[in-house]
Amino acid sequence: MNGLKMNLSKQKDEILAATAVPPKEGDFVWNGKDENDRPLSKKEMREGIKRAGGRPRAANPKKSTTVRLDADVLDFFKAQGKGWQTKINNALRDYVAASG
């Protein structure tokens, strides 16, 4: 065997000997030298988990309700296209402001 094969064989034997019995601390033992190689703690893992996207929470969230509207009123707002529910909400808001 040449020197390279002997070194690789020696490294292989060392790795097999080191992994024959798992460490008491767990699967991975940090050598304490390189901070980038350190495994994350459970707390760090939880803090690093990014929550699913979506809309940010509104300061004044809307409430879901069911309202029965006349067909012609509903058709009028739906014919205006996307955002028809918001338009109904704005019309009702204007009514509330005018009544108050």
C-alpha atoms as a PDB file:
ATOM      1  CA  MET A   1       0.000   0.000   0.000  1.00  0.00           C
ATOM      2  CA  ASN A   2       1.160   3.497  -0.694  1.00  0.00           C
ATOM      3  CA  GLY A   3       1.057   6.280   1.921  1.00  0.00           C
ATOM      4  CA  LEU A   4      -2.269   7.755   0.787  1.00  0.00           C
ATOM      5  CA  LYS A   5      -4.111   4.437   0.949  1.00  0.00           C
ATOM      6  CA  MET A   6      -2.619   3.747   4.394  1.00  0.00           C
ATOM      7  CA  ASN A   7      -3.767   7.149   5.690  1.00  0.00           C
ATOM      8  CA  LEU A   8      -7.266   6.615   4.292  1.00  0.00           C
ATOM      9  CA  SER A   9      -7.406   3.147   5.771  1.00  0.00           C
ATOM     10  CA  LYS A  10      -6.275   4.501   9.137  1.00  0.00           C
ATOM     11  CA  GLN A  11      -8.908   7.286   8.990  1.00  0.00           C
ATOM     12  CA  LYS A  12     -11.573   4.763   8.073  1.00  0.00           C
ATOM     13  CA  ASP A  13     -10.625   2.594  11.047  1.00  0.00           C
ATOM     14  CA  GLU A  14     -10.694   5.635  13.367  1.00  0.00           C
ATOM     15  CA  ILE A  15     -14.129   6.681  12.120  1.00  0.00           C
ATOM     16  CA  LEU A  16     -15.514   3.172  12.510  1.00  0.00           C
ATOM     17  CA  ALA A  17     -14.083   2.909  16.023  1.00  0.00           C
ATOM     18  CA  ALA A  18     -15.479   6.336  16.997  1.00  0.00           C
ATOM     19  CA  THR A  19     -18.953   5.550  15.697  1.00  0.00           C
ATOM     20  CA  ALA A  20     -19.140   1.992  16.994  1.00  0.00           C
ATOM     21  CA  VAL A  21     -20.596   3.204  20.289  1.00  0.00           C
ATOM     22  CA  PRO A  22     -22.840   6.293  20.052  1.00  0.00           C
ATOM     23  CA  PRO A  23     -21.934   9.105  22.471  1.00  0.00           C
ATOM     24  CA  LYS A  24     -24.069   9.599  25.583  1.00  0.00           C
ATOM     25  CA  GLU A  25     -24.818  13.197  24.572  1.00  0.00           C
ATOM     26  CA  GLY A  26     -26.615  12.191  21.374  1.00  0.00           C
ATOM     27  CA  ASP A  27     -25.876  11.602  17.724  1.00  0.00           C
ATOM     28  CA  PHE A  28     -23.525  14.531  17.282  1.00  0.00           C
ATOM     29  CA  VAL A  29     -20.846  15.811  19.632  1.00  0.00           C
ATOM     30  CA  TRP A  30     -19.470  19.256  18.919  1.00  0.00           C
ATOM     31  CA  ASN A  31     -15.709  19.558  19.268  1.00  0.00           C
ATOM     32  CA  GLY A  32     -16.015  23.120  20.593  1.00  0.00           C
ATOM     33  CA  LYS A  33     -13.766  24.644  17.958  1.00  0.00           C
ATOM     34  CA  ASP A  34     -15.821  25.956  15.048  1.00  0.00           C
ATOM     35  CA  GLU A  35     -19.002  27.803  16.048  1.00  0.00           C
ATOM     36  CA  ASN A  36     -20.481  27.235  12.568  1.00  0.00           C
ATOM     37  CA  ASP A  37     -20.342  23.468  13.119  1.00  0.00           C
ATOM     38  CA  ARG A  38     -22.135  23.626  16.455  1.00  0.00           C
ATOM     39  CA  PRO A  39     -25.537  21.956  16.377  1.00  0.00           C
ATOM     40  CA  LEU A  40     -28.481  24.196  17.220  1.00  0.00           C
ATOM     41  CA  SER A  41     -30.222  23.854  20.548  1.00  0.00           C
ATOM     42  CA  LYS A  42     -33.946  23.090  20.595  1.00  0.00           C
ATOM     43  CA  LYS A  43     -34.610  26.704  21.601  1.00  0.00           C
ATOM     44  CA  GLU A  44     -32.563  28.019  18.647  1.00  0.00           C
ATOM     45  CA  MET A  45     -34.383  25.664  16.288  1.00  0.00           C
ATOM     46  CA  ARG A  46     -37.800  26.882  17.484  1.00  0.00           C
ATOM     47  CA  GLU A  47     -36.725  30.524  17.150  1.00  0.00           C
ATOM     48  CA  GLY A  48     -35.394  29.892  13.647  1.00  0.00           C
ATOM     49  CA  ILE A  49     -38.584  28.338  12.322  1.00  0.00           C
ATOM     50  CA  LYS A  50     -40.292  30.738  10.006  1.00  0.00           C
ATOM     51  CA  ARG A  51     -44.028  30.799  10.197  1.00  0.00           C
ATOM     52  CA  ALA A  52     -46.091  30.314   7.120  1.00  0.00           C
ATOM     53  CA  GLY A  53     -46.658  33.381   5.032  1.00  0.00           C
ATOM     54  CA  GLY A  54     -49.941  35.032   4.550  1.00  0.00           C
ATOM     55  CA  ARG A  55     -51.377  38.368   5.353  1.00  0.00           C
ATOM     56  CA  PRO A  56     -50.155  40.269   8.367  1.00  0.00           C
ATOM     57  CA  ARG A  57     -52.700  40.464  11.141  1.00  0.00           C
ATOM     58  CA  ALA A  58     -54.916  43.522  10.847  1.00  0.00           C
ATOM     59  CA  ALA A  59     -55.303  45.895  13.766  1.00  0.00           C
ATOM     60  CA  ASN A  60     -59.069  45.841  13.169  1.00  0.00           C
ATOM     61  CA  PRO A  61     -59.856  42.409  11.735  1.00  0.00           C
ATOM     62  CA  LYS A  62     -63.141  42.048   9.887  1.00  0.00           C
ATOM     63  CA  LYS A  63     -65.809  39.698  11.161  1.00  0.00           C
ATOM     64  CA  SER A  64     -67.485  37.108   9.022  1.00  0.00           C
ATOM     65  CA  THR A  65     -71.261  37.223   8.809  1.00  0.00           C
ATOM     66  CA  THR A  66     -74.088  36.213   6.548  1.00  0.00           C
ATOM     67  CA  VAL A  67     -76.279  38.915   5.018  1.00  0.00           C
ATOM     68  CA  ARG A  68     -79.220  38.301   2.760  1.00  0.00           C
ATOM     69  CA  LEU A  69     -79.340  40.873  -0.043  1.00  0.00           C
ATOM     70  CA  ASP A  70     -81.821  41.430  -2.834  1.00  0.00           C
ATOM     71  CA  ALA A  71     -80.664  39.865  -6.089  1.00  0.00           C
ATOM     72  CA  ASP A  72     -80.544  43.189  -7.955  1.00  0.00           C
ATOM     73  CA  VAL A  73     -78.356  44.788  -5.244  1.00  0.00           C
ATOM     74  CA  LEU A  74     -75.976  41.850  -5.236  1.00  0.00           C
ATOM     75  CA  ASP A  75     -75.858  41.763  -9.052  1.00  0.00           C
ATOM     76  CA  PHE A  76     -75.056  45.493  -9.133  1.00  0.00           C
ATOM     77  CA  PHE A  77     -72.020  45.113  -6.873  1.00  0.00           C
ATOM     78  CA  LYS A  78     -70.797  41.872  -8.472  1.00  0.00           C
ATOM     79  CA  ALA A  79     -71.013  43.470 -11.939  1.00  0.00           C
ATOM     80  CA  GLN A  80     -68.390  45.995 -10.805  1.00  0.00           C
ATOM     81  CA  GLY A  81     -65.835  43.180 -10.653  1.00  0.00           C
ATOM     82  CA  LYS A  82     -63.239  42.211  -8.135  1.00  0.00           C
ATOM     83  CA  GLY A  83     -63.616  43.786  -4.718  1.00  0.00           C
ATOM     84  CA  TRP A  84     -67.402  43.848  -4.725  1.00  0.00           C
ATOM     85  CA  GLN A  85     -67.573  42.809  -1.066  1.00  0.00           C
ATOM     86  CA  THR A  86     -65.311  45.707  -0.092  1.00  0.00           C
ATOM     87  CA  LYS A  87     -67.539  48.053  -2.078  1.00  0.00           C
ATOM     88  CA  ILE A  88     -70.587  46.832  -0.145  1.00  0.00           C
ATOM     89  CA  ASN A  89     -68.657  47.360   3.113  1.00  0.00           C
ATOM     90  CA  ASN A  90     -67.718  50.909   2.047  1.00  0.00           C
ATOM     91  CA  ALA A  91     -71.330  51.706   1.114  1.00  0.00           C
ATOM     92  CA  LEU A  92     -72.480  50.517   4.522  1.00  0.00           C
ATOM     93  CA  ARG A  93     -69.696  52.493   6.217  1.00  0.00           C
ATOM     94  CA  ASP A  94     -70.833  55.661   4.386  1.00  0.00           C
ATOM     95  CA  TYR A  95     -74.384  55.018   5.563  1.00  0.00           C
ATOM     96  CA  VAL A  96     -73.209  54.602   9.164  1.00  0.00           C
ATOM     97  CA  ALA A  97     -71.177  57.840   8.965  1.00  0.00           C
ATOM     98  CA  ALA A  98     -74.129  59.739   7.487  1.00  0.00           C
ATOM     99  CA  SER A  99     -76.481  58.376  10.132  1.00  0.00           C
ATOM    100  CA  GLY A 100     -74.251  59.134  13.075  1.00  0.00           C
END
